[in-house]
Protein backbone atom coordinates (compact mmCIF):
# COMPACT_ATOMS: atom_id res chain seq x y z
CA MET A 1 3.57 19.71 -1.13
CA PHE A 2 2.51 17.87 -4.28
CA ALA A 3 6.15 17.11 -5.12
CA SER A 4 6.70 16.05 -1.51
CA GLY A 5 3.75 13.68 -1.80
CA ILE A 6 5.25 12.03 -4.86
CA LEU A 7 8.58 11.57 -3.06
CA THR A 8 6.87 10.13 0.02
CA LYS A 9 4.79 7.69 -2.02
CA GLY A 10 7.98 6.78 -3.86
CA LYS A 11 9.67 5.99 -0.56
CA SER A 12 6.69 3.86 0.49
CA LEU A 13 6.99 1.90 -2.74
CA ALA A 14 10.73 1.59 -2.21
CA TYR A 15 10.15 -0.02 1.19
CA GLN A 16 7.92 -2.62 -0.46
CA LYS A 17 10.14 -3.26 -3.48
CA TYR A 18 13.70 -2.66 -2.31
CA GLY A 19 13.58 -2.53 1.50
CA THR A 20 14.89 -5.19 3.81
CA GLU A 21 12.86 -8.33 4.27
CA SER A 22 11.30 -6.95 7.44
CA GLN A 23 10.39 -3.66 5.72
CA LYS A 24 8.78 -5.55 2.86
CA VAL A 25 6.63 -7.48 5.34
CA VAL A 26 5.60 -4.32 7.21
CA GLY A 27 5.21 -2.30 4.01
CA GLU A 28 2.85 -4.88 2.53
CA TYR A 29 0.74 -4.73 5.69
CA ILE A 30 0.68 -0.92 5.96
CA TYR A 31 0.49 0.31 2.39
CA ASP A 32 -1.71 -2.22 0.60
CA ASP A 33 -5.18 -0.64 0.76
CA LYS A 34 -6.75 -3.85 -0.56
CA VAL A 35 -5.86 -5.48 2.76
CA HIS A 36 -8.69 -4.61 5.16
CA ALA A 37 -8.07 -7.39 7.68
CA VAL A 38 -4.94 -9.03 9.03
CA SER A 39 -4.70 -12.19 11.11
CA SER A 40 -3.17 -12.31 14.59
CA PHE A 41 -0.66 -14.75 13.07
CA THR A 42 0.65 -12.02 10.73
CA MET A 43 0.62 -9.33 13.43
CA ASN A 44 2.56 -11.57 15.82
CA LYS A 45 5.01 -12.44 13.07
CA ILE A 46 5.85 -8.74 12.78
CA ALA A 47 6.14 -8.48 16.58
CA SER A 48 8.59 -11.39 16.64
CA LEU A 49 10.85 -9.54 14.19
CA THR A 50 11.50 -6.82 16.80
CA TYR A 51 13.61 -9.29 18.77
CA GLY A 52 16.41 -8.56 16.31
CA ASP A 53 17.99 -5.19 17.18
CA LYS A 54 18.77 -4.16 13.59
CA VAL A 55 15.45 -5.47 12.29
CA CYS A 56 13.59 -3.56 14.99
CA GLU A 57 15.30 -0.36 13.81
CA GLU A 58 14.20 -1.11 10.25
CA ILE A 59 10.59 -1.61 11.32
CA TYR A 60 10.45 1.62 13.30
CA ASP A 61 12.05 3.49 10.40
CA ILE A 62 9.09 2.64 8.18
CA ILE A 63 6.61 3.39 10.99
CA GLU A 64 8.19 6.79 11.68
CA ASN A 65 8.24 7.68 7.98
CA THR A 66 4.54 6.86 7.66
CA LEU A 67 3.45 8.87 10.70
CA MET A 68 5.72 11.79 9.82
CA ASN A 69 4.01 12.16 6.43
CA GLN A 70 0.43 11.57 7.53
CA TYR A 71 -1.29 13.40 4.67
CA GLU A 72 0.70 11.54 2.06
CA HIS A 73 -0.81 8.22 3.13
CA SER A 74 -4.32 6.82 3.12
CA PRO A 75 -6.42 6.81 6.30
CA LEU A 76 -6.31 3.00 6.19
CA SER A 77 -2.49 3.00 6.10
CA LEU A 78 -2.38 5.33 9.10
CA GLN A 79 -4.91 3.26 11.03
CA LYS A 80 -2.94 0.08 10.39
CA THR A 81 0.29 1.79 11.48
CA LEU A 82 -1.22 2.92 14.79
CA VAL A 83 -2.76 -0.50 15.45
CA LEU A 84 0.61 -2.09 14.71
CA LEU A 85 2.36 0.25 17.17
CA LYS A 86 -0.05 -0.76 19.93
CA HIS A 87 0.38 -4.42 19.04
CA LEU A 88 4.18 -4.12 19.19
CA LEU A 89 3.92 -2.46 22.61
CA ILE A 90 2.18 -5.55 23.93
CA TYR A 91 3.87 -8.36 22.01
CA GLY A 92 7.22 -6.98 20.80
CA HIS A 93 10.66 -7.02 22.40
CA GLU A 94 11.18 -4.86 25.49
CA ARG A 95 13.07 -2.31 23.38
CA VAL A 96 9.92 -1.36 21.48
CA ILE A 97 8.53 0.43 24.54
CA GLU A 98 11.11 3.22 24.34
CA LYS A 99 10.98 3.23 20.56
CA THR A 100 7.22 3.69 20.62
CA TYR A 101 7.50 6.55 23.10
CA SER A 102 10.06 8.15 20.76
CA VAL A 103 7.53 8.33 17.91
CA SER A 104 4.47 8.92 20.11
CA TYR A 105 4.47 12.66 19.35
CA LEU A 106 3.75 11.78 15.72
CA ALA A 107 0.88 9.51 16.75
CA THR A 108 -0.50 12.27 19.00
CA ARG A 109 -0.88 14.54 15.98
CA LEU A 110 -3.37 12.04 14.59
CA LEU A 111 -5.78 12.64 17.47
CA THR A 112 -7.18 15.51 15.37
CA TYR A 113 -6.68 13.89 11.95
CA ASN A 114 -9.47 14.97 9.59
CA THR A 115 -9.44 14.24 5.87
CA ALA A 116 -12.13 16.86 5.20
CA THR A 117 -10.08 19.78 6.50
CA ASN A 118 -6.51 18.61 5.99
CA SER A 119 -5.04 16.92 2.94
CA ASP A 120 -2.26 17.31 0.43
CA THR A 121 -2.60 19.70 -2.53
CA ALA A 122 -3.52 17.04 -5.07
CA THR A 123 -6.24 15.60 -2.85
CA SER A 124 -7.63 19.06 -2.09
CA ILE A 125 -7.93 19.86 -5.80
CA LEU A 126 -9.68 16.54 -6.48
CA GLN A 127 -12.09 17.10 -3.59
CA THR A 128 -12.92 20.59 -4.87
CA ILE A 129 -13.69 19.22 -8.33
CA LYS A 130 -15.99 16.61 -6.76
CA GLY A 131 -17.83 19.36 -4.90
CA GLY A 132 -16.68 18.80 -1.34
CA SER A 133 -15.16 16.21 0.95
CA VAL A 134 -16.13 13.81 3.69
CA ASP A 135 -14.10 13.17 6.83
CA ALA A 136 -12.75 9.62 6.73
CA GLY A 137 -10.44 10.16 9.68
CA GLY A 138 -12.60 8.68 12.45
CA PRO A 139 -10.88 5.25 12.58
CA VAL A 140 -7.47 6.96 12.63
CA ARG A 141 -8.44 9.22 15.55
CA GLU A 142 -9.83 6.23 17.46
CA ALA A 143 -6.64 4.22 16.91
CA ALA A 144 -4.52 7.22 17.98
CA LYS A 145 -6.60 7.63 21.15
CA SER A 146 -6.34 3.93 21.98
CA LEU A 147 -2.56 4.09 21.64
CA GLU A 148 -2.33 7.31 23.69
CA THR A 149 -4.38 5.74 26.49
CA LEU A 150 -2.01 2.79 26.69
CA LEU A 151 1.08 5.02 26.57
CA ASP A 152 -0.29 7.08 29.47
CA SER A 153 0.42 4.19 31.85
CA ARG A 154 3.75 2.42 31.78
CA ALA A 155 2.42 0.07 34.46
CA ARG A 156 -0.52 -0.84 32.22
CA ILE A 157 1.88 -1.65 29.38
CA GLU A 158 3.93 -3.96 31.61
CA THR A 159 0.78 -5.63 32.93
CA LEU A 160 -0.55 -6.32 29.44
CA ARG A 161 2.82 -7.65 28.30
CA LEU A 162 2.83 -10.10 31.20
CA GLN A 163 -0.78 -11.14 30.59
CA LYS A 164 -0.25 -11.72 26.88
CA ALA A 165 3.17 -13.36 27.11
CA ASP A 166 3.58 -16.97 25.97
CA PRO A 167 5.99 -18.86 28.26
CA THR A 168 6.84 -21.27 25.44
CA SER A 169 7.82 -18.71 22.75
CA LEU A 170 9.01 -15.14 22.21
CA VAL A 171 5.49 -14.09 21.20
CA PRO A 172 2.20 -16.00 20.88
CA VAL A 173 2.03 -17.64 17.47
CA GLY A 174 -1.48 -16.35 16.78
CA GLU A 175 -4.06 -17.87 14.46
CA LYS A 176 -4.42 -17.44 10.71
CA THR A 177 -8.19 -17.35 11.18
CA GLU A 178 -8.14 -14.92 14.12
CA ILE A 179 -8.47 -11.22 13.26
CA GLY A 180 -5.62 -9.07 14.54
CA PHE A 181 -6.68 -5.96 12.63
CA GLU A 182 -9.80 -5.05 10.68
CA SER A 183 -10.85 -1.84 8.98
CA GLU A 184 -14.22 -0.23 9.65
CA ASP A 185 -15.47 -1.36 6.22
CA PHE A 186 -14.46 -4.94 6.95
CA LYS A 187 -16.07 -4.83 10.40
CA VAL A 188 -19.36 -3.53 8.97
CA ALA A 189 -19.33 -6.21 6.27
CA ARG A 190 -18.61 -8.91 8.86
CA GLU A 191 -21.47 -7.77 11.08
CA ARG A 192 -23.82 -7.66 8.11
CA VAL A 193 -22.97 -11.25 7.20
CA LYS A 194 -23.83 -12.33 10.76
CA CYS A 195 -27.31 -10.86 10.51
CA GLU A 196 -28.38 -11.54 6.97
CA ASP A 197 -30.49 -14.37 5.63
CA PRO A 198 -28.34 -17.43 4.67
CA MET A 199 -29.73 -17.50 1.12
CA ALA A 200 -29.00 -13.80 0.69
CA LYS A 201 -25.42 -14.45 1.80
CA ILE A 202 -25.06 -17.25 -0.76
CA MET A 203 -26.36 -15.03 -3.56
CA ARG A 204 -24.11 -12.12 -2.46
CA ASP A 205 -21.04 -14.39 -2.41
CA VAL A 206 -21.86 -15.66 -5.89
CA GLU A 207 -22.18 -12.08 -7.15
CA ARG A 208 -18.95 -11.06 -5.44
CA LYS A 209 -16.98 -13.93 -6.98
CA LYS A 210 -18.45 -13.12 -10.40
CA ASN A 211 -17.40 -9.47 -10.07
CA GLN A 212 -13.92 -10.40 -8.88
CA SER A 213 -13.44 -12.66 -11.87
CA VAL A 214 -14.23 -9.68 -14.10
CA PHE A 215 -12.67 -6.76 -12.23
CA GLY A 216 -10.30 -8.37 -9.70
CA GLY A 217 -9.56 -6.85 -6.28
CA GLY A 218 -11.77 -6.95 -3.20
CA ASN A 219 -11.03 -6.91 0.52
CA GLN A 220 -8.37 -9.35 1.65
CA ILE A 221 -7.41 -10.97 4.92
CA ARG A 222 -3.85 -12.14 5.56
């Protein structure tokens, strides 16, 4: 399984480096674990790509590969993939409905996803060395359940598509400042900022910028 994991991660990198333009866009969204929040503008941009038949196939190829190899990808990557599938169901071309049903069995497997009891060989060894593991699969299970609930009702899908449709464009443009996806870590941080003292927020931002200048990285929104 370790060798399989290397091959799968290699394929993920290949999508980002050498895939089609659509696969590069989706791969950057799915596989970059520094990206903890994505704007509705970016999510709707991906949805608009499904209006091209060939491009839609390319997008679902990368989605299927990710879900098929669930323990070779991070929980965040899986969560983003499931959220994207639900988003495409509502905003994508009509063809995505059948395509999503065709990969739904892979999403269903994530209803019981648990990083503490299931992982690849390399991860298991690392967790043993550290003295145990913690289940980080909650957000993935929630996203899988949300998708399953929507897929249970074809009528509900059609209703949502009609409600969310923009009569002036293929899909709503979205807003670069509107959150289309956010990880649990990002959500917690956002809620904390709402509640904290303004001066404490200023000091925390100063410290964060100082650390980023030294170490780089940090959560990103696109």
